[in-house]
PDB file of N, CA and C in Angstrom:
ATOM      1  N   MET A   1    -133.720 119.078 -36.943  1.00  0.00           N
ATOM      2  CA  MET A   1    -135.080 118.736 -37.055  1.00  0.00           C
ATOM      3  C   MET A   1    -135.392 117.326 -36.707  1.00  0.00           C
ATOM      4  N   ASN A   2    -136.363 117.232 -36.111  1.00  0.00           N
ATOM      5  CA  ASN A   2    -136.858 115.884 -35.416  1.00  0.00           C
ATOM      6  C   ASN A   2    -137.338 114.891 -36.496  1.00  0.00           C
ATOM      7  N   PRO A   3    -137.045 113.554 -36.367  1.00  0.00           N
ATOM      8  CA  PRO A   3    -137.415 112.749 -37.564  1.00  0.00           C
ATOM      9  C   PRO A   3    -139.222 112.445 -37.271  1.00  0.00           C
ATOM     10  N   ILE A   4    -139.677 112.303 -38.259  1.00  0.00           N
ATOM     11  CA  ILE A   4    -141.080 112.312 -38.527  1.00  0.00           C
ATOM     12  C   ILE A   4    -141.576 110.492 -38.610  1.00  0.00           C
ATOM     13  N   LYS A   5    -142.379 110.027 -37.824  1.00  0.00           N
ATOM     14  CA  LYS A   5    -142.686 108.662 -37.869  1.00  0.00           C
ATOM     15  C   LYS A   5    -143.888 108.531 -39.109  1.00  0.00           C
ATOM     16  N   VAL A   6    -143.534 107.558 -40.021  1.00  0.00           N
ATOM     17  CA  VAL A   6    -144.490 107.369 -41.148  1.00  0.00           C
ATOM     18  C   VAL A   6    -144.924 106.016 -41.033  1.00  0.00           C
ATOM     19  N   ALA A   7    -146.005 105.577 -41.721  1.00  0.00           N
ATOM     20  CA  ALA A   7    -146.563 104.274 -42.097  1.00  0.00           C
ATOM     21  C   ALA A   7    -146.386 103.857 -43.580  1.00  0.00           C
ATOM     22  N   LEU A   8    -146.121 102.609 -44.156  1.00  0.00           N
ATOM     23  CA  LEU A   8    -146.239 102.435 -45.284  1.00  0.00           C
ATOM     24  C   LEU A   8    -147.362 101.642 -45.724  1.00  0.00           C
ATOM     25  N   ALA A   9    -147.974 101.854 -46.997  1.00  0.00           N
ATOM     26  CA  ALA A   9    -148.980 101.083 -47.412  1.00  0.00           C
ATOM     27  C   ALA A   9    -148.230  99.804 -48.219  1.00  0.00           C
ATOM     28  N   ASP A  10    -148.883  98.588 -48.106  1.00  0.00           N
ATOM     29  CA  ASP A  10    -148.385  97.588 -48.798  1.00  0.00           C
ATOM     30  C   ASP A  10    -148.482  97.680 -50.231  1.00  0.00           C
ATOM     31  N   GLY A  11    -147.496  97.206 -50.818  1.00  0.00           N
ATOM     32  CA  GLY A  11    -147.438  97.298 -52.600  1.00  0.00           C
ATOM     33  C   GLY A  11    -148.472  96.329 -53.002  1.00  0.00           C
ATOM     34  N   VAL A  12    -148.891  95.247 -52.388  1.00  0.00           N
ATOM     35  CA  VAL A  12    -149.569  94.342 -53.038  1.00  0.00           C
ATOM     36  C   VAL A  12    -150.938  94.576 -53.069  1.00  0.00           C
ATOM     37  N   ASN A  13    -151.580  94.942 -51.679  1.00  0.00           N
ATOM     38  CA  ASN A  13    -152.978  95.334 -51.651  1.00  0.00           C
ATOM     39  C   ASN A  13    -153.368  96.806 -51.053  1.00  0.00           C
ATOM     40  N   GLY A  14    -152.354  97.514 -50.875  1.00  0.00           N
ATOM     41  CA  GLY A  14    -152.654  98.967 -50.729  1.00  0.00           C
ATOM     42  C   GLY A  14    -152.929  99.209 -49.085  1.00  0.00           C
ATOM     43  N   GLN A  15    -152.983  98.192 -48.291  1.00  0.00           N
ATOM     44  CA  GLN A  15    -153.375  98.320 -46.933  1.00  0.00           C
ATOM     45  C   GLN A  15    -152.130  98.984 -46.148  1.00  0.00           C
ATOM     46  N   PRO A  16    -152.533  99.860 -45.512  1.00  0.00           N
ATOM     47  CA  PRO A  16    -151.271 100.571 -44.611  1.00  0.00           C
ATOM     48  C   PRO A  16    -150.824  99.271 -43.234  1.00  0.00           C
ATOM     49  N   SER A  17    -149.559  99.452 -43.273  1.00  0.00           N
ATOM     50  CA  SER A  17    -149.085  98.650 -42.182  1.00  0.00           C
ATOM     51  C   SER A  17    -148.728  99.633 -40.942  1.00  0.00           C
ATOM     52  N   THR A  18    -149.320  99.466 -39.805  1.00  0.00           N
ATOM     53  CA  THR A  18    -148.990 100.378 -38.646  1.00  0.00           C
ATOM     54  C   THR A  18    -148.295  99.618 -37.644  1.00  0.00           C
ATOM     55  N   GLU A  19    -147.924  98.447 -38.005  1.00  0.00           N
ATOM     56  CA  GLU A  19    -147.101  97.621 -36.993  1.00  0.00           C
ATOM     57  C   GLU A  19    -145.787  98.039 -36.886  1.00  0.00           C
ATOM     58  N   THR A  20    -145.126  98.446 -37.889  1.00  0.00           N
ATOM     59  CA  THR A  20    -143.788  99.036 -37.995  1.00  0.00           C
ATOM     60  C   THR A  20    -143.706 100.396 -38.709  1.00  0.00           C
ATOM     61  N   LEU A  21    -143.500 101.363 -37.949  1.00  0.00           N
ATOM     62  CA  LEU A  21    -143.105 102.792 -38.491  1.00  0.00           C
ATOM     63  C   LEU A  21    -141.899 103.034 -38.695  1.00  0.00           C
ATOM     64  N   TYR A  22    -141.672 103.815 -39.701  1.00  0.00           N
ATOM     65  CA  TYR A  22    -140.368 104.250 -40.369  1.00  0.00           C
ATOM     66  C   TYR A  22    -140.192 105.802 -39.942  1.00  0.00           C
ATOM     67  N   GLU A  23    -138.971 106.208 -40.189  1.00  0.00           N
ATOM     68  CA  GLU A  23    -138.664 107.790 -39.751  1.00  0.00           C
ATOM     69  C   GLU A  23    -138.170 108.144 -40.966  1.00  0.00           C
ATOM     70  N   VAL A  24    -138.629 109.523 -41.410  1.00  0.00           N
ATOM     71  CA  VAL A  24    -137.960 110.330 -42.279  1.00  0.00           C
ATOM     72  C   VAL A  24    -137.666 111.657 -41.618  1.00  0.00           C
ATOM     73  N   HIS A  25    -136.866 112.535 -42.170  1.00  0.00           N
ATOM     74  CA  HIS A  25    -136.573 113.819 -41.708  1.00  0.00           C
ATOM     75  C   HIS A  25    -137.525 115.006 -42.480  1.00  0.00           C
ATOM     76  N   ASP A  26    -138.147 114.679 -43.634  1.00  0.00           N
ATOM     77  CA  ASP A  26    -138.943 115.370 -44.455  1.00  0.00           C
ATOM     78  C   ASP A  26    -140.010 114.616 -45.227  1.00  0.00           C
ATOM     79  N   LEU A  27    -141.147 115.012 -45.316  1.00  0.00           N
ATOM     80  CA  LEU A  27    -142.222 114.116 -45.849  1.00  0.00           C
ATOM     81  C   LEU A  27    -141.940 114.321 -47.435  1.00  0.00           C
ATOM     82  N   ALA A  28    -140.883 115.104 -48.072  1.00  0.00           N
ATOM     83  CA  ALA A  28    -140.564 114.884 -49.353  1.00  0.00           C
ATOM     84  C   ALA A  28    -139.571 113.868 -49.618  1.00  0.00           C
ATOM     85  N   ASP A  29    -139.013 113.123 -48.570  1.00  0.00           N
ATOM     86  CA  ASP A  29    -137.931 112.066 -48.507  1.00  0.00           C
ATOM     87  C   ASP A  29    -138.687 110.684 -49.230  1.00  0.00           C
ATOM     88  N   LYS A  30    -137.740 110.036 -49.555  1.00  0.00           N
ATOM     89  CA  LYS A  30    -138.238 108.735 -50.037  1.00  0.00           C
ATOM     90  C   LYS A  30    -138.014 107.545 -48.902  1.00  0.00           C
ATOM     91  N   VAL A  31    -138.772 106.488 -48.907  1.00  0.00           N
ATOM     92  CA  VAL A  31    -138.176 105.523 -48.040  1.00  0.00           C
ATOM     93  C   VAL A  31    -137.957 104.363 -48.818  1.00  0.00           C
ATOM     94  N   LYS A  32    -136.636 103.625 -48.445  1.00  0.00           N
ATOM     95  CA  LYS A  32    -136.233 102.723 -49.409  1.00  0.00           C
ATOM     96  C   LYS A  32    -135.894 101.465 -48.897  1.00  0.00           C
ATOM     97  N   LEU A  33    -136.607 100.380 -48.859  1.00  0.00           N
ATOM     98  CA  LEU A  33    -136.445  98.994 -48.246  1.00  0.00           C
ATOM     99  C   LEU A  33    -135.954  97.900 -49.069  1.00  0.00           C
ATOM    100  N   GLN A  34    -134.889  97.343 -48.673  1.00  0.00           N
ATOM    101  CA  GLN A  34    -134.284  96.205 -49.276  1.00  0.00           C
ATOM    102  C   GLN A  34    -135.388  94.948 -49.316  1.00  0.00           C
ATOM    103  N   CYS A  35    -135.641  94.397 -50.537  1.00  0.00           N
ATOM    104  CA  CYS A  35    -136.440  93.321 -50.586  1.00  0.00           C
ATOM    105  C   CYS A  35    -135.903  92.534 -51.534  1.00  0.00           C
ATOM    106  N   GLY A  36    -135.620  91.064 -51.055  1.00  0.00           N
ATOM    107  CA  GLY A  36    -135.047  90.064 -52.052  1.00  0.00           C
ATOM    108  C   GLY A  36    -133.839  90.738 -52.571  1.00  0.00           C
ATOM    109  N   ASN A  37    -133.746  90.802 -54.194  1.00  0.00           N
ATOM    110  CA  ASN A  37    -132.584  91.362 -54.829  1.00  0.00           C
ATOM    111  C   ASN A  37    -132.772  92.619 -55.315  1.00  0.00           C
ATOM    112  N   GLY A  38    -133.749  93.357 -54.722  1.00  0.00           N
ATOM    113  CA  GLY A  38    -133.959  94.607 -54.951  1.00  0.00           C
ATOM    114  C   GLY A  38    -134.399  95.751 -53.792  1.00  0.00           C
ATOM    115  N   TYR A  39    -134.756  96.913 -54.254  1.00  0.00           N
ATOM    116  CA  TYR A  39    -135.446  97.812 -53.220  1.00  0.00           C
ATOM    117  C   TYR A  39    -136.833  98.240 -53.550  1.00  0.00           C
ATOM    118  N   ARG A  40    -137.761  98.364 -52.702  1.00  0.00           N
ATOM    119  CA  ARG A  40    -138.950  98.930 -52.977  1.00  0.00           C
ATOM    120  C   ARG A  40    -138.845 100.588 -52.382  1.00  0.00           C
ATOM    121  N   HIS A  41    -139.451 101.436 -53.344  1.00  0.00           N
ATOM    122  CA  HIS A  41    -139.388 102.862 -52.978  1.00  0.00           C
ATOM    123  C   HIS A  41    -140.777 103.347 -52.665  1.00  0.00           C
ATOM    124  N   PHE A  42    -140.847 104.289 -51.382  1.00  0.00           N
ATOM    125  CA  PHE A  42    -142.072 104.725 -51.098  1.00  0.00           C
ATOM    126  C   PHE A  42    -142.124 106.219 -50.918  1.00  0.00           C
ATOM    127  N   THR A  43    -143.126 106.741 -51.310  1.00  0.00           N
ATOM    128  CA  THR A  43    -143.306 108.315 -51.103  1.00  0.00           C
ATOM    129  C   THR A  43    -144.536 108.729 -50.408  1.00  0.00           C
ATOM    130  N   TYR A  44    -144.561 109.862 -49.978  1.00  0.00           N
ATOM    131  CA  TYR A  44    -145.707 110.313 -49.291  1.00  0.00           C
ATOM    132  C   TYR A  44    -146.888 110.602 -50.159  1.00  0.00           C
ATOM    133  N   SER A  45    -147.946 110.107 -49.661  1.00  0.00           N
ATOM    134  CA  SER A  45    -149.235 109.988 -50.666  1.00  0.00           C
ATOM    135  C   SER A  45    -150.122 111.299 -50.188  1.00  0.00           C
ATOM    136  N   GLY A  46    -149.804 111.902 -49.285  1.00  0.00           N
ATOM    137  CA  GLY A  46    -150.903 113.023 -48.846  1.00  0.00           C
ATOM    138  C   GLY A  46    -151.767 112.533 -47.775  1.00  0.00           C
ATOM    139  N   ASP A  47    -152.044 111.299 -47.739  1.00  0.00           N
ATOM    140  CA  ASP A  47    -152.931 110.739 -46.903  1.00  0.00           C
ATOM    141  C   ASP A  47    -152.250 110.420 -45.334  1.00  0.00           C
ATOM    142  N   SER A  48    -153.137 110.092 -44.420  1.00  0.00           N
ATOM    143  CA  SER A  48    -152.566 109.583 -43.039  1.00  0.00           C
ATOM    144  C   SER A  48    -153.483 108.356 -42.672  1.00  0.00           C
ATOM    145  N   VAL A  49    -152.935 107.844 -41.776  1.00  0.00           N
ATOM    146  CA  VAL A  49    -153.526 106.467 -41.118  1.00  0.00           C
ATOM    147  C   VAL A  49    -153.396 106.777 -39.468  1.00  0.00           C
ATOM    148  N   ALA A  50    -154.434 106.355 -38.648  1.00  0.00           N
ATOM    149  CA  ALA A  50    -154.497 106.429 -37.406  1.00  0.00           C
ATOM    150  C   ALA A  50    -153.620 105.401 -36.785  1.00  0.00           C
ATOM    151  N   VAL A  51    -152.700 105.812 -35.770  1.00  0.00           N
ATOM    152  CA  VAL A  51    -151.871 104.630 -35.117  1.00  0.00           C
ATOM    153  C   VAL A  51    -152.228 105.160 -33.512  1.00  0.00           C
ATOM    154  N   GLY A  52    -153.208 104.351 -33.050  1.00  0.00           N
ATOM    155  CA  GLY A  52    -153.793 104.621 -31.632  1.00  0.00           C
ATOM    156  C   GLY A  52    -154.454 105.972 -32.091  1.00  0.00           C
ATOM    157  N   ASP A  53    -154.448 107.002 -31.351  1.00  0.00           N
ATOM    158  CA  ASP A  53    -155.082 108.259 -31.653  1.00  0.00           C
ATOM    159  C   ASP A  53    -154.448 109.464 -32.487  1.00  0.00           C
ATOM    160  N   ILE A  54    -153.216 108.939 -33.006  1.00  0.00           N
ATOM    161  CA  ILE A  54    -152.297 109.899 -33.623  1.00  0.00           C
ATOM    162  C   ILE A  54    -152.457 109.514 -35.050  1.00  0.00           C
ATOM    163  N   PRO A  55    -152.653 110.667 -35.881  1.00  0.00           N
ATOM    164  CA  PRO A  55    -152.530 110.455 -37.300  1.00  0.00           C
ATOM    165  C   PRO A  55    -151.085 110.377 -37.800  1.00  0.00           C
ATOM    166  N   VAL A  56    -150.643 109.480 -38.588  1.00  0.00           N
ATOM    167  CA  VAL A  56    -149.293 109.254 -39.121  1.00  0.00           C
ATOM    168  C   VAL A  56    -149.371 109.350 -40.609  1.00  0.00           C
ATOM    169  N   PRO A  57    -148.448 110.012 -41.176  1.00  0.00           N
ATOM    170  CA  PRO A  57    -148.299 110.119 -42.694  1.00  0.00           C
ATOM    171  C   PRO A  57    -148.215 108.801 -43.203  1.00  0.00           C
ATOM    172  N   LEU A  58    -148.939 108.452 -44.458  1.00  0.00           N
ATOM    173  CA  LEU A  58    -149.076 107.307 -45.078  1.00  0.00           C
ATOM    174  C   LEU A  58    -148.125 107.522 -46.382  1.00  0.00           C
ATOM    175  N   PHE A  59    -147.184 106.466 -46.608  1.00  0.00           N
ATOM    176  CA  PHE A  59    -146.259 106.275 -47.951  1.00  0.00           C
ATOM    177  C   PHE A  59    -146.737 105.196 -48.407  1.00  0.00           C
ATOM    178  N   HIS A  60    -146.950 105.391 -49.913  1.00  0.00           N
ATOM    179  CA  HIS A  60    -147.309 104.392 -50.822  1.00  0.00           C
ATOM    180  C   HIS A  60    -146.166 104.019 -51.702  1.00  0.00           C
ATOM    181  N   GLU A  61    -146.167 102.890 -52.154  1.00  0.00           N
ATOM    182  CA  GLU A  61    -145.123 102.372 -53.022  1.00  0.00           C
ATOM    183  C   GLU A  61    -145.211 103.045 -54.252  1.00  0.00           C
ATOM    184  N   CYS A  62    -143.934 103.596 -54.765  1.00  0.00           N
ATOM    185  CA  CYS A  62    -143.886 104.418 -55.957  1.00  0.00           C
ATOM    186  C   CYS A  62    -142.788 103.734 -56.783  1.00  0.00           C
ATOM    187  N   GLY A  63    -142.291 102.630 -56.714  1.00  0.00           N
ATOM    188  CA  GLY A  63    -141.385 101.933 -57.648  1.00  0.00           C
ATOM    189  C   GLY A  63    -140.400 100.870 -57.065  1.00  0.00           C
ATOM    190  N   ARG A  64    -139.782 100.139 -57.734  1.00  0.00           N
ATOM    191  CA  ARG A  64    -138.895  99.114 -57.362  1.00  0.00           C
ATOM    192  C   ARG A  64    -137.770  99.191 -58.390  1.00  0.00           C
ATOM    193  N   THR A  65    -136.438  98.791 -57.682  1.00  0.00           N
ATOM    194  CA  THR A  65    -135.295  98.713 -58.594  1.00  0.00           C
ATOM    195  C   THR A  65    -134.395  97.468 -57.959  1.00  0.00           C
ATOM    196  N   LYS A  66    -133.534  97.158 -58.825  1.00  0.00           N
ATOM    197  CA  LYS A  66    -132.756  95.833 -58.563  1.00  0.00           C
ATOM    198  C   LYS A  66    -131.457  96.398 -58.031  1.00  0.00           C
ATOM    199  N   ILE A  67    -130.738  95.773 -57.357  1.00  0.00           N
ATOM    200  CA  ILE A  67    -129.400  96.009 -56.578  1.00  0.00           C
ATOM    201  C   ILE A  67    -128.538  95.861 -57.619  1.00  0.00           C
ATOM    202  N   ALA A  68    -127.625  96.628 -57.777  1.00  0.00           N
ATOM    203  CA  ALA A  68    -126.379  96.816 -58.964  1.00  0.00           C
ATOM    204  C   ALA A  68    -125.426  95.640 -58.454  1.00  0.00           C
ATOM    205  N   GLU A  69    -125.048  95.031 -59.387  1.00  0.00           N
ATOM    206  CA  GLU A  69    -123.943  94.037 -58.898  1.00  0.00           C
ATOM    207  C   GLU A  69    -122.555  94.714 -59.140  1.00  0.00           C
TER     208      GLU A  69
END
């Protein structure tokens, strides 16, 4: 299965970032990004955002976790 390029909505203001796209293999997958001493988790919202002329699935932040020591 080919990876799907997705955009992430910023957790602070909810605005999509189309400057950096991430890849998932399934829209049911979560995106997990390291941020400081934890992780931010994103899931597909059902929305999309235009990148150029192409609609890209939009993921919204769904939670944060701390890195275990």
